[in-house]
């Protein structure tokens, strides 16, 4: 059984026991329980239910494993040739690691 759920503006395919890295959830603490009820599609043993826009009564229960995980560094380099202009910026995206405890559909 799996569902497609929207978390922080992104869609994820979720199954029970799966670990996800989602955009940083403000105020989440390690060990706390978070519920997401924007389930867009549910597949239960081949029986597919598509929401319009969401599936009624479906939700995903997750536990926060790590509230703040930093992603890989992305370097952004700008240069204009023959002008002596060079600029280097770095960015590390912040994520929250969650574990899917239960899928209710």
N, C-alpha and C. Protein backbone atom coordinates (compact mmCIF):
# COMPACT_ATOMS: atom_id res chain seq x y z
N UNK A 1 0.84 -1.17 0.00
CA UNK A 1 0.00 0.00 0.00
C UNK A 1 0.89 1.24 0.00
N UNK A 2 0.55 2.19 -0.86
CA UNK A 2 1.29 3.44 -0.89
C UNK A 2 0.33 4.58 -1.19
N UNK A 3 0.76 5.78 -0.85
CA UNK A 3 -0.02 6.99 -1.13
C UNK A 3 0.92 8.06 -1.68
N UNK A 4 0.33 9.00 -2.41
CA UNK A 4 1.04 10.19 -2.85
C UNK A 4 0.54 11.32 -1.95
N UNK A 5 1.45 11.95 -1.21
CA UNK A 5 1.08 12.98 -0.23
C UNK A 5 1.86 14.26 -0.53
N UNK A 6 1.23 15.38 -0.27
CA UNK A 6 1.89 16.67 -0.45
C UNK A 6 2.39 17.16 0.90
N UNK A 7 3.71 17.39 0.98
CA UNK A 7 4.35 17.85 2.21
C UNK A 7 5.18 19.08 1.87
N UNK A 8 4.88 20.19 2.47
CA UNK A 8 5.62 21.44 2.27
C UNK A 8 5.71 21.82 0.79
N UNK A 9 4.63 21.58 0.04
CA UNK A 9 4.60 21.97 -1.36
C UNK A 9 5.21 20.97 -2.32
N UNK A 10 5.71 19.85 -1.83
CA UNK A 10 6.29 18.81 -2.69
C UNK A 10 5.50 17.53 -2.55
N UNK A 11 5.45 16.73 -3.61
CA UNK A 11 4.73 15.47 -3.59
C UNK A 11 5.71 14.32 -3.38
N UNK A 12 5.33 13.39 -2.49
CA UNK A 12 6.16 12.24 -2.17
C UNK A 12 5.33 10.97 -2.27
N UNK A 13 5.97 9.88 -2.75
CA UNK A 13 5.37 8.55 -2.70
C UNK A 13 5.75 7.95 -1.36
N UNK A 14 4.77 7.61 -0.55
CA UNK A 14 5.00 7.24 0.84
C UNK A 14 4.48 5.83 1.11
N UNK A 15 5.31 5.03 1.77
CA UNK A 15 4.93 3.71 2.26
C UNK A 15 5.30 3.64 3.73
N UNK A 16 4.68 2.71 4.43
CA UNK A 16 4.95 2.58 5.86
C UNK A 16 6.39 2.13 6.08
N UNK A 17 7.09 2.77 7.02
CA UNK A 17 8.47 2.43 7.35
C UNK A 17 9.51 3.14 6.52
N UNK A 18 9.09 4.04 5.64
CA UNK A 18 10.03 4.74 4.77
C UNK A 18 10.52 6.02 5.42
N UNK A 19 11.81 6.35 5.18
CA UNK A 19 12.38 7.60 5.68
C UNK A 19 12.37 8.63 4.56
N UNK A 20 12.01 9.87 4.91
CA UNK A 20 11.94 10.94 3.94
C UNK A 20 12.72 12.14 4.43
N UNK A 21 13.29 12.88 3.49
CA UNK A 21 13.89 14.17 3.78
C UNK A 21 13.01 15.22 3.13
N UNK A 22 12.29 15.99 3.95
CA UNK A 22 11.38 17.02 3.44
C UNK A 22 11.95 18.39 3.79
N UNK A 23 11.43 19.43 3.15
CA UNK A 23 11.87 20.77 3.49
C UNK A 23 11.67 21.01 4.98
N UNK A 24 12.49 21.84 5.56
CA UNK A 24 12.51 22.08 7.00
C UNK A 24 11.13 22.42 7.54
N UNK A 25 10.70 21.69 8.56
CA UNK A 25 9.42 21.94 9.24
C UNK A 25 9.73 22.75 10.49
N UNK A 26 9.29 24.00 10.49
CA UNK A 26 9.56 24.89 11.62
C UNK A 26 8.80 24.42 12.86
N UNK A 27 9.48 24.39 13.97
CA UNK A 27 8.86 24.02 15.23
C UNK A 27 8.82 22.53 15.50
N UNK A 28 9.31 21.71 14.60
CA UNK A 28 9.32 20.26 14.82
C UNK A 28 10.48 19.90 15.74
N UNK A 29 10.21 18.99 16.67
CA UNK A 29 11.23 18.51 17.59
C UNK A 29 11.47 17.03 17.38
N UNK A 30 12.65 16.57 17.72
CA UNK A 30 13.00 15.17 17.56
C UNK A 30 12.08 14.29 18.40
N UNK A 31 11.49 13.27 17.79
CA UNK A 31 10.59 12.37 18.49
C UNK A 31 9.13 12.78 18.44
N UNK A 32 8.83 13.97 17.95
CA UNK A 32 7.43 14.41 17.89
C UNK A 32 6.72 13.76 16.70
N UNK A 33 5.39 13.72 16.78
CA UNK A 33 4.57 13.10 15.75
C UNK A 33 3.94 14.20 14.90
N UNK A 34 4.04 14.01 13.57
CA UNK A 34 3.50 14.98 12.62
C UNK A 34 2.53 14.24 11.70
N UNK A 35 1.36 14.85 11.43
CA UNK A 35 0.37 14.25 10.54
C UNK A 35 0.21 15.11 9.30
N UNK A 36 0.10 14.45 8.15
CA UNK A 36 -0.14 15.13 6.88
C UNK A 36 -1.43 14.57 6.30
N UNK A 37 -2.37 15.45 5.98
CA UNK A 37 -3.67 14.98 5.49
C UNK A 37 -3.95 15.36 4.04
N UNK A 38 -2.96 15.91 3.33
CA UNK A 38 -3.13 16.24 1.92
C UNK A 38 -2.72 15.03 1.07
N UNK A 39 -3.52 13.98 1.12
CA UNK A 39 -3.26 12.77 0.36
C UNK A 39 -3.93 12.92 -1.00
N UNK A 40 -3.13 12.87 -2.07
CA UNK A 40 -3.64 13.09 -3.41
C UNK A 40 -4.05 11.80 -4.11
N UNK A 41 -3.43 10.68 -3.76
CA UNK A 41 -3.73 9.39 -4.39
C UNK A 41 -3.43 8.29 -3.38
N UNK A 42 -4.27 7.26 -3.38
CA UNK A 42 -4.06 6.12 -2.50
C UNK A 42 -4.19 4.83 -3.30
N UNK A 43 -3.24 3.92 -3.12
CA UNK A 43 -3.26 2.62 -3.78
C UNK A 43 -3.27 1.56 -2.70
N UNK A 44 -4.38 0.83 -2.60
CA UNK A 44 -4.51 -0.21 -1.58
C UNK A 44 -4.71 -1.54 -2.29
N UNK A 45 -3.61 -2.29 -2.45
CA UNK A 45 -3.62 -3.60 -3.10
C UNK A 45 -4.25 -3.55 -4.49
N UNK A 46 -3.85 -2.57 -5.29
CA UNK A 46 -4.35 -2.47 -6.66
C UNK A 46 -5.59 -1.62 -6.82
N UNK A 47 -6.27 -1.28 -5.73
CA UNK A 47 -7.45 -0.43 -5.79
C UNK A 47 -6.99 1.02 -5.62
N UNK A 48 -7.00 1.77 -6.72
CA UNK A 48 -6.47 3.13 -6.73
C UNK A 48 -7.61 4.11 -6.50
N UNK A 49 -7.40 5.04 -5.55
CA UNK A 49 -8.35 6.11 -5.27
C UNK A 49 -7.66 7.43 -5.53
N UNK A 50 -8.22 8.20 -6.46
CA UNK A 50 -7.66 9.50 -6.81
C UNK A 50 -8.51 10.57 -6.16
N UNK A 51 -7.87 11.50 -5.46
CA UNK A 51 -8.60 12.56 -4.78
C UNK A 51 -8.98 13.68 -5.72
N UNK A 52 -10.02 14.40 -5.33
CA UNK A 52 -10.47 15.54 -6.11
C UNK A 52 -10.74 16.71 -5.18
N UNK A 53 -9.80 17.47 -4.69
CA UNK A 53 -8.36 17.38 -4.90
C UNK A 53 -7.64 16.44 -3.93
N UNK A 54 -8.27 16.09 -2.79
CA UNK A 54 -7.62 15.17 -1.85
C UNK A 54 -8.53 14.00 -1.54
N UNK A 55 -7.96 12.91 -1.04
CA UNK A 55 -8.72 11.73 -0.64
C UNK A 55 -9.27 11.99 0.75
N UNK A 56 -10.57 11.87 0.91
CA UNK A 56 -11.22 12.15 2.19
C UNK A 56 -10.88 11.06 3.22
N UNK A 57 -10.54 11.48 4.42
CA UNK A 57 -10.27 10.57 5.52
C UNK A 57 -8.90 9.92 5.50
N UNK A 58 -8.08 10.24 4.52
CA UNK A 58 -6.75 9.65 4.43
C UNK A 58 -5.73 10.58 5.06
N UNK A 59 -4.74 9.99 5.74
CA UNK A 59 -3.68 10.78 6.34
C UNK A 59 -2.43 9.93 6.51
N UNK A 60 -1.32 10.61 6.73
CA UNK A 60 -0.03 9.95 6.95
C UNK A 60 0.50 10.42 8.29
N UNK A 61 0.83 9.47 9.17
CA UNK A 61 1.36 9.78 10.49
C UNK A 61 2.86 9.51 10.46
N UNK A 62 3.65 10.53 10.82
CA UNK A 62 5.11 10.43 10.76
C UNK A 62 5.73 10.83 12.09
N UNK A 63 6.93 10.31 12.32
CA UNK A 63 7.71 10.70 13.50
C UNK A 63 8.95 11.45 13.01
N UNK A 64 9.26 12.55 13.68
CA UNK A 64 10.43 13.35 13.31
C UNK A 64 11.67 12.69 13.90
N UNK A 65 12.60 12.29 13.02
CA UNK A 65 13.85 11.68 13.49
C UNK A 65 14.90 12.74 13.77
N UNK A 66 15.05 13.68 12.86
CA UNK A 66 16.01 14.75 13.02
C UNK A 66 15.39 16.03 12.49
N UNK A 67 15.21 17.04 13.34
CA UNK A 67 14.50 18.24 12.90
C UNK A 67 15.29 19.12 11.95
N UNK A 68 16.62 19.01 11.94
CA UNK A 68 17.40 19.86 11.05
C UNK A 68 18.58 19.08 10.48
N UNK A 69 18.53 18.82 9.19
CA UNK A 69 19.60 18.16 8.47
C UNK A 69 19.97 19.07 7.31
N UNK A 70 21.27 19.32 7.15
CA UNK A 70 21.70 20.17 6.04
C UNK A 70 22.07 19.31 4.84
N UNK A 71 21.61 19.76 3.68
CA UNK A 71 21.91 19.05 2.44
C UNK A 71 23.30 19.37 1.93
N UNK A 72 23.63 18.86 0.76
CA UNK A 72 24.93 19.10 0.15
C UNK A 72 25.05 20.56 -0.26
N UNK A 73 26.27 21.05 -0.27
CA UNK A 73 26.51 22.44 -0.65
C UNK A 73 26.41 22.57 -2.16
N UNK A 74 25.68 23.59 -2.59
CA UNK A 74 25.55 23.92 -4.00
C UNK A 74 26.27 25.24 -4.22
N UNK A 75 27.22 25.24 -5.16
CA UNK A 75 27.97 26.45 -5.46
C UNK A 75 27.37 27.15 -6.68
N UNK A 76 27.15 28.46 -6.55
CA UNK A 76 26.63 29.27 -7.64
C UNK A 76 27.71 30.27 -8.00
N UNK A 77 28.21 30.17 -9.23
CA UNK A 77 29.32 31.01 -9.67
C UNK A 77 28.88 31.88 -10.83
N UNK A 78 29.06 33.20 -10.69
CA UNK A 78 28.73 34.15 -11.75
C UNK A 78 30.02 34.80 -12.23
N UNK A 79 30.13 34.96 -13.54
CA UNK A 79 31.32 35.59 -14.11
C UNK A 79 30.92 36.33 -15.38
N UNK A 80 31.50 37.51 -15.56
CA UNK A 80 31.36 38.24 -16.82
C UNK A 80 32.74 38.35 -17.44
N UNK A 81 32.89 37.81 -18.60
CA UNK A 81 34.21 37.75 -19.20
C UNK A 81 34.75 39.13 -19.55
N UNK A 82 36.06 39.24 -19.40
CA UNK A 82 36.82 40.46 -19.71
C UNK A 82 36.42 41.66 -18.87
N UNK A 83 35.68 41.48 -17.80
CA UNK A 83 35.27 42.60 -16.96
C UNK A 83 35.85 42.52 -15.55
N UNK A 84 36.43 41.39 -15.20
CA UNK A 84 36.99 41.22 -13.86
C UNK A 84 35.91 40.96 -12.82
N UNK A 85 34.71 40.57 -13.26
CA UNK A 85 33.60 40.34 -12.34
C UNK A 85 33.46 38.85 -12.08
N UNK A 86 33.65 38.46 -10.80
CA UNK A 86 33.45 37.08 -10.39
C UNK A 86 32.76 37.09 -9.04
N UNK A 87 31.76 36.23 -8.88
CA UNK A 87 31.06 36.14 -7.61
C UNK A 87 30.74 34.68 -7.35
N UNK A 88 31.02 34.24 -6.14
CA UNK A 88 30.79 32.85 -5.75
C UNK A 88 29.89 32.82 -4.52
N UNK A 89 28.78 32.15 -4.64
CA UNK A 89 27.85 31.98 -3.52
C UNK A 89 27.67 30.50 -3.26
N UNK A 90 27.50 30.14 -2.01
CA UNK A 90 27.22 28.76 -1.63
C UNK A 90 25.89 28.69 -0.91
N UNK A 91 25.22 27.54 -1.04
CA UNK A 91 23.93 27.36 -0.39
C UNK A 91 23.80 25.93 0.09
N UNK A 92 23.30 25.75 1.33
CA UNK A 92 22.99 24.43 1.86
C UNK A 92 21.54 24.42 2.30
N UNK A 93 20.72 23.61 1.64
CA UNK A 93 19.29 23.53 1.94
C UNK A 93 19.09 22.82 3.28
N UNK A 94 18.10 23.26 4.04
CA UNK A 94 17.78 22.65 5.32
C UNK A 94 16.61 21.69 5.15
N UNK A 95 16.76 20.48 5.70
CA UNK A 95 15.75 19.44 5.60
C UNK A 95 15.36 18.96 6.98
N UNK A 96 14.24 18.25 7.06
CA UNK A 96 13.81 17.54 8.26
C UNK A 96 13.66 16.07 7.87
N UNK A 97 14.28 15.18 8.65
CA UNK A 97 14.18 13.75 8.38
C UNK A 97 13.01 13.17 9.16
N UNK A 98 12.08 12.51 8.44
CA UNK A 98 10.90 11.93 9.09
C UNK A 98 10.81 10.45 8.73
N UNK A 99 10.17 9.70 9.62
CA UNK A 99 9.93 8.27 9.43
C UNK A 99 8.42 8.06 9.38
N UNK A 100 7.94 7.38 8.34
CA UNK A 100 6.50 7.14 8.19
C UNK A 100 6.10 6.00 9.11
N UNK A 101 5.26 6.30 10.09
CA UNK A 101 4.79 5.31 11.05
C UNK A 101 3.56 4.59 10.56
N UNK A 102 2.60 5.33 9.99
CA UNK A 102 1.31 4.73 9.63
C UNK A 102 0.71 5.47 8.45
N UNK A 103 0.09 4.71 7.56
CA UNK A 103 -0.63 5.28 6.43
C UNK A 103 -2.09 4.88 6.58
N UNK A 104 -2.97 5.87 6.77
CA UNK A 104 -4.40 5.62 6.93
C UNK A 104 -5.09 6.05 5.65
N UNK A 105 -5.70 5.08 4.95
CA UNK A 105 -6.39 5.43 3.70
C UNK A 105 -7.71 4.68 3.59
